[in-house]
Amino acid sequence: QVQLVESGGGWVQPGGSLRLSCAAFGSILGIKVMGWYRQAPGKQRALVAALLRDGSTNYADDAKGRFTISRDNAKNTLYLQMNSLKSEDTAVYYCNAVNLNRERTWGQGTQVTVSS
């Protein structure tokens, strides 16, 4: 079983940057994909970026060129660097992991607020 703990959310002005972190604990060797999702008020949870075991990445269209997903294997931590933030990026951001058995684990979420 995998446990995920996010951190790094907060308030930032439009155009600013934030870096989210997701520390993974437990059966991490079985993780196939890790990613970041977000859910804004009144909207469905949606994929922001994903990082596959082979190092390949996928980004939502509105994240391309502004967000970067990465990981530090030594720290068992996934990151999401977010630059040029916009008000529409305001949401709760969730870390996600899928293992080889296709079991999905979610973190508790971290709030990101972009406003002036």
PDB file of N, CA and C in Angstrom:
ATOM      1  N   GLN A   1       0.845  -1.190   0.000  1.00  0.00           N
ATOM      2  CA  GLN A   1       0.000   0.000   0.000  1.00  0.00           C
ATOM      3  C   GLN A   1       0.877   1.235   0.000  1.00  0.00           C
ATOM      4  N   VAL A   2       0.400   2.269  -0.691  1.00  0.00           N
ATOM      5  CA  VAL A   2       1.144   3.515  -0.832  1.00  0.00           C
ATOM      6  C   VAL A   2       0.421   4.627  -0.082  1.00  0.00           C
ATOM      7  N   GLN A   3       1.176   5.478   0.560  1.00  0.00           N
ATOM      8  CA  GLN A   3       0.637   6.693   1.169  1.00  0.00           C
ATOM      9  C   GLN A   3       1.313   7.898   0.526  1.00  0.00           C
ATOM     10  N   LEU A   4       0.513   8.929   0.285  1.00  0.00           N
ATOM     11  CA  LEU A   4       1.006  10.132  -0.382  1.00  0.00           C
ATOM     12  C   LEU A   4       0.708  11.347   0.488  1.00  0.00           C
ATOM     13  N   VAL A   5       1.701  12.200   0.662  1.00  0.00           N
ATOM     14  CA  VAL A   5       1.532  13.409   1.473  1.00  0.00           C
ATOM     15  C   VAL A   5       1.990  14.609   0.663  1.00  0.00           C
ATOM     16  N   GLU A   6       1.048  15.514   0.348  1.00  0.00           N
ATOM     17  CA  GLU A   6       1.364  16.704  -0.448  1.00  0.00           C
ATOM     18  C   GLU A   6       1.731  17.872   0.454  1.00  0.00           C
ATOM     19  N   SER A   7       2.488  18.786  -0.115  1.00  0.00           N
ATOM     20  CA  SER A   7       2.801  20.042   0.558  1.00  0.00           C
ATOM     21  C   SER A   7       3.165  21.073  -0.501  1.00  0.00           C
ATOM     22  N   GLY A   8       3.228  22.340  -0.072  1.00  0.00           N
ATOM     23  CA  GLY A   8       3.698  23.373  -0.978  1.00  0.00           C
ATOM     24  C   GLY A   8       2.629  24.277  -1.541  1.00  0.00           C
ATOM     25  N   GLY A   9       1.375  24.002  -1.231  1.00  0.00           N
ATOM     26  CA  GLY A   9       0.323  24.892  -1.725  1.00  0.00           C
ATOM     27  C   GLY A   9       0.335  26.216  -0.988  1.00  0.00           C
ATOM     28  N   GLY A  10      -0.508  27.135  -1.435  1.00  0.00           N
ATOM     29  CA  GLY A  10      -0.587  28.429  -0.779  1.00  0.00           C
ATOM     30  C   GLY A  10      -1.190  29.463  -1.690  1.00  0.00           C
ATOM     31  N   TRP A  11      -0.954  30.714  -1.331  1.00  0.00           N
ATOM     32  CA  TRP A  11      -1.469  31.844  -2.104  1.00  0.00           C
ATOM     33  C   TRP A  11      -0.338  32.477  -2.886  1.00  0.00           C
ATOM     34  N   VAL A  12      -0.628  32.845  -4.117  1.00  0.00           N
ATOM     35  CA  VAL A  12       0.366  33.508  -4.950  1.00  0.00           C
ATOM     36  C   VAL A  12      -0.350  34.471  -5.890  1.00  0.00           C
ATOM     37  N   GLN A  13       0.312  35.527  -6.249  1.00  0.00           N
ATOM     38  CA  GLN A  13      -0.258  36.490  -7.194  1.00  0.00           C
ATOM     39  C   GLN A  13      -0.161  35.967  -8.618  1.00  0.00           C
ATOM     40  N   PRO A  14      -1.037  36.430  -9.503  1.00  0.00           N
ATOM     41  CA  PRO A  14      -0.930  36.024 -10.916  1.00  0.00           C
ATOM     42  C   PRO A  14       0.463  36.305 -11.461  1.00  0.00           C
ATOM     43  N   GLY A  15       0.977  35.357 -12.210  1.00  0.00           N
ATOM     44  CA  GLY A  15       2.332  35.461 -12.742  1.00  0.00           C
ATOM     45  C   GLY A  15       3.385  34.860 -11.847  1.00  0.00           C
ATOM     46  N   GLY A  16       3.010  34.502 -10.642  1.00  0.00           N
ATOM     47  CA  GLY A  16       3.957  33.935  -9.697  1.00  0.00           C
ATOM     48  C   GLY A  16       4.167  32.457  -9.890  1.00  0.00           C
ATOM     49  N   SER A  17       4.959  31.873  -8.982  1.00  0.00           N
ATOM     50  CA  SER A  17       5.320  30.457  -9.058  1.00  0.00           C
ATOM     51  C   SER A  17       5.118  29.767  -7.721  1.00  0.00           C
ATOM     52  N   LEU A  18       4.866  28.482  -7.808  1.00  0.00           N
ATOM     53  CA  LEU A  18       4.795  27.618  -6.626  1.00  0.00           C
ATOM     54  C   LEU A  18       5.359  26.255  -7.016  1.00  0.00           C
ATOM     55  N   ARG A  19       5.901  25.554  -6.032  1.00  0.00           N
ATOM     56  CA  ARG A  19       6.319  24.179  -6.255  1.00  0.00           C
ATOM     57  C   ARG A  19       5.604  23.284  -5.255  1.00  0.00           C
ATOM     58  N   LEU A  20       4.868  22.328  -5.781  1.00  0.00           N
ATOM     59  CA  LEU A  20       4.193  21.344  -4.952  1.00  0.00           C
ATOM     60  C   LEU A  20       5.081  20.114  -4.793  1.00  0.00           C
ATOM     61  N   SER A  21       4.990  19.491  -3.631  1.00  0.00           N
ATOM     62  CA  SER A  21       5.740  18.267  -3.367  1.00  0.00           C
ATOM     63  C   SER A  21       4.780  17.167  -2.934  1.00  0.00           C
ATOM     64  N   CYS A  22       5.129  15.940  -3.272  1.00  0.00           N
ATOM     65  CA  CYS A  22       4.328  14.786  -2.883  1.00  0.00           C
ATOM     66  C   CYS A  22       5.284  13.688  -2.439  1.00  0.00           C
ATOM     67  N   ALA A  23       5.328  13.450  -1.143  1.00  0.00           N
ATOM     68  CA  ALA A  23       6.194  12.403  -0.604  1.00  0.00           C
ATOM     69  C   ALA A  23       5.433  11.082  -0.586  1.00  0.00           C
ATOM     70  N   ALA A  24       6.081  10.038  -1.087  1.00  0.00           N
ATOM     71  CA  ALA A  24       5.463   8.718  -1.173  1.00  0.00           C
ATOM     72  C   ALA A  24       6.070   7.792  -0.131  1.00  0.00           C
ATOM     73  N   PHE A  25       5.209   7.021   0.519  1.00  0.00           N
ATOM     74  CA  PHE A  25       5.637   6.077   1.545  1.00  0.00           C
ATOM     75  C   PHE A  25       4.994   4.720   1.277  1.00  0.00           C
ATOM     76  N   GLY A  26       5.641   3.672   1.744  1.00  0.00           N
ATOM     77  CA  GLY A  26       5.054   2.347   1.617  1.00  0.00           C
ATOM     78  C   GLY A  26       5.598   1.589   0.419  1.00  0.00           C
ATOM     79  N   SER A  27       4.708   0.910  -0.294  1.00  0.00           N
ATOM     80  CA  SER A  27       5.088   0.021  -1.397  1.00  0.00           C
ATOM     81  C   SER A  27       5.334   0.812  -2.680  1.00  0.00           C
ATOM     82  N   ILE A  28       6.345   1.649  -2.653  1.00  0.00           N
ATOM     83  CA  ILE A  28       6.587   2.565  -3.775  1.00  0.00           C
ATOM     84  C   ILE A  28       7.230   1.879  -4.972  1.00  0.00           C
ATOM     85  N   LEU A  29       7.855   0.732  -4.768  1.00  0.00           N
ATOM     86  CA  LEU A  29       8.497   0.055  -5.895  1.00  0.00           C
ATOM     87  C   LEU A  29       7.481  -0.423  -6.921  1.00  0.00           C
ATOM     88  N   GLY A  30       6.231  -0.578  -6.496  1.00  0.00           N
ATOM     89  CA  GLY A  30       5.198  -1.049  -7.403  1.00  0.00           C
ATOM     90  C   GLY A  30       4.460   0.053  -8.145  1.00  0.00           C
ATOM     91  N   ILE A  31       4.893   1.292  -7.966  1.00  0.00           N
ATOM     92  CA  ILE A  31       4.208   2.410  -8.618  1.00  0.00           C
ATOM     93  C   ILE A  31       4.559   2.449 -10.101  1.00  0.00           C
ATOM     94  N   LYS A  32       3.521   2.547 -10.948  1.00  0.00           N
ATOM     95  CA  LYS A  32       3.700   2.595 -12.384  1.00  0.00           C
ATOM     96  C   LYS A  32       3.631   4.029 -12.914  1.00  0.00           C
ATOM     97  N   VAL A  33       2.715   4.797 -12.363  1.00  0.00           N
ATOM     98  CA  VAL A  33       2.502   6.172 -12.814  1.00  0.00           C
ATOM     99  C   VAL A  33       2.236   7.043 -11.590  1.00  0.00           C
ATOM    100  N   MET A  34       2.791   8.235 -11.601  1.00  0.00           N
ATOM    101  CA  MET A  34       2.431   9.235 -10.600  1.00  0.00           C
ATOM    102  C   MET A  34       2.021  10.502 -11.323  1.00  0.00           C
ATOM    103  N   GLY A  35       1.103  11.238 -10.699  1.00  0.00           N
ATOM    104  CA  GLY A  35       0.641  12.442 -11.369  1.00  0.00           C
ATOM    105  C   GLY A  35       0.032  13.439 -10.418  1.00  0.00           C
ATOM    106  N   TRP A  36      -0.275  14.577 -10.980  1.00  0.00           N
ATOM    107  CA  TRP A  36      -0.963  15.651 -10.265  1.00  0.00           C
ATOM    108  C   TRP A  36      -2.300  15.911 -10.942  1.00  0.00           C
ATOM    109  N   TYR A  37      -3.331  16.004 -10.133  1.00  0.00           N
ATOM    110  CA  TYR A  37      -4.667  16.370 -10.580  1.00  0.00           C
ATOM    111  C   TYR A  37      -5.081  17.627  -9.817  1.00  0.00           C
ATOM    112  N   ARG A  38      -6.096  18.294 -10.323  1.00  0.00           N
ATOM    113  CA  ARG A  38      -6.635  19.432  -9.591  1.00  0.00           C
ATOM    114  C   ARG A  38      -8.147  19.470  -9.724  1.00  0.00           C
ATOM    115  N   GLN A  39      -8.763  20.062  -8.703  1.00  0.00           N
ATOM    116  CA  GLN A  39     -10.211  20.197  -8.704  1.00  0.00           C
ATOM    117  C   GLN A  39     -10.574  21.590  -8.234  1.00  0.00           C
ATOM    118  N   ALA A  40     -11.170  22.346  -9.133  1.00  0.00           N
ATOM    119  CA  ALA A  40     -11.645  23.688  -8.808  1.00  0.00           C
ATOM    120  C   ALA A  40     -13.088  23.589  -8.329  1.00  0.00           C
ATOM    121  N   PRO A  41     -13.564  24.584  -7.593  1.00  0.00           N
ATOM    122  CA  PRO A  41     -14.945  24.545  -7.100  1.00  0.00           C
ATOM    123  C   PRO A  41     -15.940  24.380  -8.234  1.00  0.00           C
ATOM    124  N   GLY A  42     -16.830  23.419  -8.084  1.00  0.00           N
ATOM    125  CA  GLY A  42     -17.859  23.188  -9.087  1.00  0.00           C
ATOM    126  C   GLY A  42     -17.397  22.453 -10.324  1.00  0.00           C
ATOM    127  N   LYS A  43     -16.151  22.007 -10.323  1.00  0.00           N
ATOM    128  CA  LYS A  43     -15.621  21.303 -11.495  1.00  0.00           C
ATOM    129  C   LYS A  43     -15.137  19.914 -11.112  1.00  0.00           C
ATOM    130  N   GLN A  44     -14.995  19.062 -12.119  1.00  0.00           N
ATOM    131  CA  GLN A  44     -14.495  17.719 -11.877  1.00  0.00           C
ATOM    132  C   GLN A  44     -12.985  17.738 -11.720  1.00  0.00           C
ATOM    133  N   ARG A  45     -12.498  16.745 -11.018  1.00  0.00           N
ATOM    134  CA  ARG A  45     -11.058  16.586 -10.862  1.00  0.00           C
ATOM    135  C   ARG A  45     -10.455  16.244 -12.224  1.00  0.00           C
ATOM    136  N   ALA A  46      -9.353  16.904 -12.570  1.00  0.00           N
ATOM    137  CA  ALA A  46      -8.768  16.730 -13.896  1.00  0.00           C
ATOM    138  C   ALA A  46      -7.258  16.577 -13.805  1.00  0.00           C
ATOM    139  N   LEU A  47      -6.708  15.832 -14.731  1.00  0.00           N
ATOM    140  CA  LEU A  47      -5.277  15.621 -14.784  1.00  0.00           C
ATOM    141  C   LEU A  47      -4.545  16.911 -15.138  1.00  0.00           C
ATOM    142  N   VAL A  48      -3.476  17.176 -14.425  1.00  0.00           N
ATOM    143  CA  VAL A  48      -2.601  18.301 -14.738  1.00  0.00           C
ATOM    144  C   VAL A  48      -1.339  17.788 -15.430  1.00  0.00           C
ATOM    145  N   ALA A  49      -0.697  16.795 -14.812  1.00  0.00           N
ATOM    146  CA  ALA A  49       0.537  16.250 -15.372  1.00  0.00           C
ATOM    147  C   ALA A  49       0.766  14.860 -14.810  1.00  0.00           C
ATOM    148  N   ALA A  50       1.416  14.013 -15.601  1.00  0.00           N
ATOM    149  CA  ALA A  50       1.705  12.647 -15.173  1.00  0.00           C
ATOM    150  C   ALA A  50       3.129  12.290 -15.543  1.00  0.00           C
ATOM    151  N   LEU A  51       3.719  11.444 -14.717  1.00  0.00           N
ATOM    152  CA  LEU A  51       5.098  10.984 -14.936  1.00  0.00           C
ATOM    153  C   LEU A  51       5.088   9.465 -14.856  1.00  0.00           C
ATOM    154  N   LEU A  52       5.466   8.846 -15.972  1.00  0.00           N
ATOM    155  CA  LEU A  52       5.452   7.389 -16.033  1.00  0.00           C
ATOM    156  C   LEU A  52       6.771   6.830 -15.521  1.00  0.00           C
ATOM    157  N   ARG A  53       6.742   5.540 -15.276  1.00  0.00           N
ATOM    158  CA  ARG A  53       7.911   4.868 -14.708  1.00  0.00           C
ATOM    159  C   ARG A  53       9.138   4.981 -15.608  1.00  0.00           C
ATOM    160  N   ASP A  54       8.902   5.062 -16.936  1.00  0.00           N
ATOM    161  CA  ASP A  54      10.025   5.148 -17.871  1.00  0.00           C
ATOM    162  C   ASP A  54      10.548   6.569 -18.023  1.00  0.00           C
ATOM    163  N   GLY A  55       9.936   7.513 -17.284  1.00  0.00           N
ATOM    164  CA  GLY A  55      10.396   8.894 -17.319  1.00  0.00           C
ATOM    165  C   GLY A  55       9.632   9.783 -18.284  1.00  0.00           C
ATOM    166  N   SER A  56       8.748   9.201 -19.069  1.00  0.00           N
ATOM    167  CA  SER A  56       7.964  10.019 -19.991  1.00  0.00           C
ATOM    168  C   SER A  56       6.890  10.783 -19.216  1.00  0.00           C
ATOM    169  N   THR A  57       6.461  11.892 -19.826  1.00  0.00           N
ATOM    170  CA  THR A  57       5.512  12.778 -19.151  1.00  0.00           C
ATOM    171  C   THR A  57       4.320  13.093 -20.047  1.00  0.00           C
ATOM    172  N   ASN A  58       3.215  13.428 -19.418  1.00  0.00           N
ATOM    173  CA  ASN A  58       2.028  13.927 -20.099  1.00  0.00           C
ATOM    174  C   ASN A  58       1.546  15.165 -19.373  1.00  0.00           C
ATOM    175  N   TYR A  59       1.111  16.153 -20.136  1.00  0.00           N
ATOM    176  CA  TYR A  59       0.600  17.384 -19.546  1.00  0.00           C
ATOM    177  C   TYR A  59      -0.759  17.728 -20.134  1.00  0.00           C
ATOM    178  N   ALA A  60      -1.612  18.314 -19.302  1.00  0.00           N
ATOM    179  CA  ALA A  60      -2.832  18.914 -19.818  1.00  0.00           C
ATOM    180  C   ALA A  60      -2.436  20.107 -20.683  1.00  0.00           C
ATOM    181  N   ASP A  61      -3.285  20.428 -21.656  1.00  0.00           N
ATOM    182  CA  ASP A  61      -2.942  21.506 -22.593  1.00  0.00           C
ATOM    183  C   ASP A  61      -2.637  22.816 -21.876  1.00  0.00           C
ATOM    184  N   ASP A  62      -3.402  23.135 -20.860  1.00  0.00           N
ATOM    185  CA  ASP A  62      -3.196  24.432 -20.199  1.00  0.00           C
ATOM    186  C   ASP A  62      -2.028  24.406 -19.212  1.00  0.00           C
ATOM    187  N   ALA A  63      -1.389  23.262 -19.056  1.00  0.00           N
ATOM    188  CA  ALA A  63      -0.207  23.171 -18.204  1.00  0.00           C
ATOM    189  C   ALA A  63       1.087  23.176 -19.015  1.00  0.00           C
ATOM    190  N   LYS A  64       0.985  22.858 -20.290  1.00  0.00           N
ATOM    191  CA  LYS A  64       2.175  22.770 -21.138  1.00  0.00           C
ATOM    192  C   LYS A  64       2.878  24.117 -21.214  1.00  0.00           C
ATOM    193  N   GLY A  65       4.184  24.091 -21.026  1.00  0.00           N
ATOM    194  CA  GLY A  65       4.975  25.300 -21.102  1.00  0.00           C
ATOM    195  C   GLY A  65       5.021  26.103 -19.816  1.00  0.00           C
ATOM    196  N   ARG A  66       4.135  25.786 -18.877  1.00  0.00           N
ATOM    197  CA  ARG A  66       4.126  26.519 -17.599  1.00  0.00           C
ATOM    198  C   ARG A  66       4.451  25.629 -16.416  1.00  0.00           C
ATOM    199  N   PHE A  67       4.022  24.381 -16.475  1.00  0.00           N
ATOM    200  CA  PHE A  67       4.220  23.450 -15.359  1.00  0.00           C
ATOM    201  C   PHE A  67       5.234  22.384 -15.746  1.00  0.00           C
ATOM    202  N   THR A  68       5.977  21.911 -14.750  1.00  0.00           N
ATOM    203  CA  THR A  68       6.937  20.829 -14.965  1.00  0.00           C
ATOM    204  C   THR A  68       6.799  19.805 -13.854  1.00  0.00           C
ATOM    205  N   ILE A  69       6.591  18.551 -14.245  1.00  0.00           N
ATOM    206  CA  ILE A  69       6.521  17.463 -13.276  1.00  0.00           C
ATOM    207  C   ILE A  69       7.873  16.767 -13.240  1.00  0.00           C
ATOM    208  N   SER A  70       8.310  16.420 -12.036  1.00  0.00           N
ATOM    209  CA  SER A  70       9.602  15.758 -11.886  1.00  0.00           C
ATOM    210  C   SER A  70       9.580  14.919 -10.613  1.00  0.00           C
ATOM    211  N   ARG A  71      10.624  14.145 -10.426  1.00  0.00           N
ATOM    212  CA  ARG A  71      10.692  13.328  -9.214  1.00  0.00           C
ATOM    213  C   ARG A  71      12.134  13.230  -8.742  1.00  0.00           C
ATOM    214  N   ASP A  72      12.279  13.018  -7.464  1.00  0.00           N
ATOM    215  CA  ASP A  72      13.574  12.762  -6.849  1.00  0.00           C
ATOM    216  C   ASP A  72      13.483  11.358  -6.258  1.00  0.00           C
ATOM    217  N   ASN A  73      14.078  10.406  -6.941  1.00  0.00           N
ATOM    218  CA  ASN A  73      13.963   9.012  -6.503  1.00  0.00           C
ATOM    219  C   ASN A  73      14.605   8.783  -5.143  1.00  0.00           C
ATOM    220  N   ALA A  74      15.660   9.522  -4.848  1.00  0.00           N
ATOM    221  CA  ALA A  74      16.345   9.342  -3.558  1.00  0.00           C
ATOM    222  C   ALA A  74      15.455   9.768  -2.398  1.00  0.00           C
ATOM    223  N   LYS A  75      14.572  10.737  -2.672  1.00  0.00           N
ATOM    224  CA  LYS A  75      13.673  11.244  -1.621  1.00  0.00           C
ATOM    225  C   LYS A  75      12.264  10.688  -1.754  1.00  0.00           C
ATOM    226  N   ASN A  76      12.043   9.838  -2.765  1.00  0.00           N
ATOM    227  CA  ASN A  76      10.693   9.291  -3.006  1.00  0.00           C
ATOM    228  C   ASN A  76       9.659  10.402  -3.072  1.00  0.00           C
ATOM    229  N   THR A  77       9.996  11.454  -3.793  1.00  0.00           N
ATOM    230  CA  THR A  77       9.148  12.641  -3.830  1.00  0.00           C
ATOM    231  C   THR A  77       8.889  13.064  -5.268  1.00  0.00           C
ATOM    232  N   LEU A  78       7.637  13.399  -5.522  1.00  0.00           N
ATOM    233  CA  LEU A  78       7.198  13.924  -6.814  1.00  0.00           C
ATOM    234  C   LEU A  78       6.988  15.421  -6.666  1.00  0.00           C
ATOM    235  N   TYR A  79       7.328  16.176  -7.706  1.00  0.00           N
ATOM    236  CA  TYR A  79       7.183  17.629  -7.665  1.00  0.00           C
ATOM    237  C   TYR A  79       6.335  18.119  -8.821  1.00  0.00           C
ATOM    238  N   LEU A  80       5.742  19.286  -8.613  1.00  0.00           N
ATOM    239  CA  LEU A  80       5.101  20.005  -9.698  1.00  0.00           C
ATOM    240  C   LEU A  80       5.530  21.462  -9.574  1.00  0.00           C
ATOM    241  N   GLN A  81       6.383  21.888 -10.481  1.00  0.00           N
ATOM    242  CA  GLN A  81       6.801  23.288 -10.540  1.00  0.00           C
ATOM    243  C   GLN A  81       5.806  24.040 -11.397  1.00  0.00           C
ATOM    244  N   MET A  82       5.186  25.045 -10.837  1.00  0.00           N
ATOM    245  CA  MET A  82       4.161  25.804 -11.543  1.00  0.00           C
ATOM    246  C   MET A  82       4.626  27.242 -11.694  1.00  0.00           C
ATOM    247  N   ASN A  83       4.766  27.693 -12.929  1.00  0.00           N
ATOM    248  CA  ASN A  83       5.186  29.054 -13.233  1.00  0.00           C
ATOM    249  C   ASN A  83       4.082  29.781 -13.988  1.00  0.00           C
ATOM    250  N   SER A  84       4.190  31.099 -14.028  1.00  0.00           N
ATOM    251  CA  SER A  84       3.215  31.929 -14.758  1.00  0.00           C
ATOM    252  C   SER A  84       1.790  31.571 -14.361  1.00  0.00           C
ATOM    253  N   LEU A  85       1.565  31.498 -13.073  1.00  0.00           N
ATOM    254  CA  LEU A  85       0.259  31.067 -12.587  1.00  0.00           C
ATOM    255  C   LEU A  85      -0.825  32.075 -12.923  1.00  0.00           C
ATOM    256  N   LYS A  86      -2.017  31.539 -13.190  1.00  0.00           N
ATOM    257  CA  LYS A  86      -3.179  32.345 -13.534  1.00  0.00           C
ATOM    258  C   LYS A  86      -4.283  32.099 -12.501  1.00  0.00           C
ATOM    259  N   SER A  87      -5.241  32.987 -12.463  1.00  0.00           N
ATOM    260  CA  SER A  87      -6.338  32.822 -11.506  1.00  0.00           C
ATOM    261  C   SER A  87      -7.084  31.510 -11.739  1.00  0.00           C
ATOM    262  N   GLU A  88      -7.139  31.091 -13.000  1.00  0.00           N
ATOM    263  CA  GLU A  88      -7.854  29.841 -13.300  1.00  0.00           C
ATOM    264  C   GLU A  88      -7.097  28.602 -12.862  1.00  0.00           C
ATOM    265  N   ASP A  89      -5.883  28.756 -12.363  1.00  0.00           N
ATOM    266  CA  ASP A  89      -5.144  27.633 -11.788  1.00  0.00           C
ATOM    267  C   ASP A  89      -5.554  27.381 -10.336  1.00  0.00           C
ATOM    268  N   THR A  90      -6.363  28.263  -9.786  1.00  0.00           N
ATOM    269  CA  THR A  90      -6.831  28.092  -8.412  1.00  0.00           C
ATOM    270  C   THR A  90      -7.632  26.799  -8.287  1.00  0.00           C
ATOM    271  N   ALA A  91      -7.203  25.942  -7.354  1.00  0.00           N
ATOM    272  CA  ALA A  91      -7.843  24.634  -7.183  1.00  0.00           C
ATOM    273  C   ALA A  91      -7.179  23.914  -6.014  1.00  0.00           C
ATOM    274  N   VAL A  92      -7.773  22.797  -5.649  1.00  0.00           N
ATOM    275  CA  VAL A  92      -7.092  21.863  -4.757  1.00  0.00           C
ATOM    276  C   VAL A  92      -6.318  20.892  -5.649  1.00  0.00           C
ATOM    277  N   TYR A  93      -5.059  20.752  -5.368  1.00  0.00           N
ATOM    278  CA  TYR A  93      -4.184  19.893  -6.170  1.00  0.00           C
ATOM    279  C   TYR A  93      -3.942  18.584  -5.407  1.00  0.00           C
ATOM    280  N   TYR A  94      -4.120  17.486  -6.130  1.00  0.00           N
ATOM    281  CA  TYR A  94      -3.982  16.162  -5.534  1.00  0.00           C
ATOM    282  C   TYR A  94      -2.863  15.381  -6.216  1.00  0.00           C
ATOM    283  N   CYS A  95      -2.079  14.716  -5.422  1.00  0.00           N
ATOM    284  CA  CYS A  95      -1.085  13.777  -5.917  1.00  0.00           C
ATOM    285  C   CYS A  95      -1.747  12.409  -6.077  1.00  0.00           C
ATOM    286  N   ASN A  96      -1.319  11.673  -7.079  1.00  0.00           N
ATOM    287  CA  ASN A  96      -1.932  10.393  -7.399  1.00  0.00           C
ATOM    288  C   ASN A  96      -0.860   9.390  -7.788  1.00  0.00           C
ATOM    289  N   ALA A  97      -1.079   8.144  -7.385  1.00  0.00           N
ATOM    290  CA  ALA A  97      -0.167   7.067  -7.794  1.00  0.00           C
ATOM    291  C   ALA A  97      -0.981   5.856  -8.222  1.00  0.00           C
ATOM    292  N   VAL A  98      -0.537   5.214  -9.290  1.00  0.00           N
ATOM    293  CA  VAL A  98      -1.164   3.991  -9.775  1.00  0.00           C
ATOM    294  C   VAL A  98      -0.106   2.896  -9.773  1.00  0.00           C
ATOM    295  N   ASN A  99      -0.434   1.750  -9.165  1.00  0.00           N
ATOM    296  CA  ASN A  99       0.570   0.692  -9.120  1.00  0.00           C
ATOM    297  C   ASN A  99       0.355  -0.320 -10.248  1.00  0.00           C
ATOM    298  N   LEU A 100       1.183  -1.336 -10.249  1.00  0.00           N
ATOM    299  CA  LEU A 100       1.144  -2.321 -11.322  1.00  0.00           C
ATOM    300  C   LEU A 100      -0.164  -3.112 -11.338  1.00  0.00           C
ATOM    301  N   ASN A 101      -0.889  -3.127 -10.214  1.00  0.00           N
ATOM    302  CA  ASN A 101      -2.197  -3.785 -10.149  1.00  0.00           C
ATOM    303  C   ASN A 101      -3.328  -2.821 -10.492  1.00  0.00           C
ATOM    304  N   ARG A 102      -2.960  -1.627 -10.964  1.00  0.00           N
ATOM    305  CA  ARG A 102      -3.907  -0.568 -11.350  1.00  0.00           C
ATOM    306  C   ARG A 102      -4.680  -0.037 -10.145  1.00  0.00           C
ATOM    307  N   GLU A 103      -4.134  -0.194  -8.968  1.00  0.00           N
ATOM    308  CA  GLU A 103      -4.749   0.376  -7.774  1.00  0.00           C
ATOM    309  C   GLU A 103      -4.316   1.835  -7.657  1.00  0.00           C
ATOM    310  N   ARG A 104      -5.259   2.697  -7.362  1.00  0.00           N
ATOM    311  CA  ARG A 104      -5.007   4.137  -7.362  1.00  0.00           C
ATOM    312  C   ARG A 104      -5.033   4.659  -5.939  1.00  0.00           C
ATOM    313  N   THR A 105      -4.052   5.497  -5.624  1.00  0.00           N
ATOM    314  CA  THR A 105      -3.955   6.133  -4.310  1.00  0.00           C
ATOM    315  C   THR A 105      -3.942   7.640  -4.483  1.00  0.00           C
ATOM    316  N   TRP A 106      -4.664   8.334  -3.605  1.00  0.00           N
ATOM    317  CA  TRP A 106      -4.714   9.800  -3.631  1.00  0.00           C
ATOM    318  C   TRP A 106      -4.103  10.378  -2.364  1.00  0.00           C
ATOM    319  N   GLY A 107      -3.486  11.521  -2.516  1.00  0.00           N
ATOM    320  CA  GLY A 107      -3.076  12.290  -1.362  1.00  0.00           C
ATOM    321  C   GLY A 107      -4.255  13.074  -0.812  1.00  0.00           C
ATOM    322  N   GLN A 108      -3.991  13.840   0.239  1.00  0.00           N
ATOM    323  CA  GLN A 108      -5.077  14.563   0.905  1.00  0.00           C
ATOM    324  C   GLN A 108      -5.424  15.864   0.196  1.00  0.00           C
ATOM    325  N   GLY A 109      -4.563  16.316  -0.698  1.00  0.00           N
ATOM    326  CA  GLY A 109      -4.814  17.555  -1.430  1.00  0.00           C
ATOM    327  C   GLY A 109      -4.164  18.756  -0.773  1.00  0.00           C
ATOM    328  N   THR A 110      -3.793  19.715  -1.602  1.00  0.00           N
ATOM    329  CA  THR A 110      -3.225  20.972  -1.116  1.00  0.00           C
ATOM    330  C   THR A 110      -3.823  22.121  -1.923  1.00  0.00           C
ATOM    331  N   GLN A 111      -4.236  23.160  -1.231  1.00  0.00           N
ATOM    332  CA  GLN A 111      -4.923  24.279  -1.871  1.00  0.00           C
ATOM    333  C   GLN A 111      -3.920  25.224  -2.525  1.00  0.00           C
ATOM    334  N   VAL A 112      -4.207  25.582  -3.765  1.00  0.00           N
ATOM    335  CA  VAL A 112      -3.449  26.617  -4.474  1.00  0.00           C
ATOM    336  C   VAL A 112      -4.424  27.730  -4.840  1.00  0.00           C
ATOM    337  N   THR A 113      -4.110  28.940  -4.407  1.00  0.00           N
ATOM    338  CA  THR A 113      -4.958  30.097  -4.694  1.00  0.00           C
ATOM    339  C   THR A 113      -4.130  31.145  -5.416  1.00  0.00           C
ATOM    340  N   VAL A 114      -4.598  31.542  -6.594  1.00  0.00           N
ATOM    341  CA  VAL A 114      -3.912  32.553  -7.403  1.00  0.00           C
ATOM    342  C   VAL A 114      -4.836  33.755  -7.512  1.00  0.00           C
ATOM    343  N   SER A 115      -4.441  34.830  -6.863  1.00  0.00           N
ATOM    344  CA  SER A 115      -5.265  36.040  -6.903  1.00  0.00           C
ATOM    345  C   SER A 115      -4.412  37.239  -6.546  1.00  0.00           C
ATOM    346  N   SER A 116      -4.909  38.394  -6.938  1.00  0.00           N
ATOM    347  CA  SER A 116      -4.202  39.628  -6.599  1.00  0.00           C
ATOM    348  C   SER A 116      -4.839  40.284  -5.382  1.00  0.00           C
TER     349      SER A 116
END
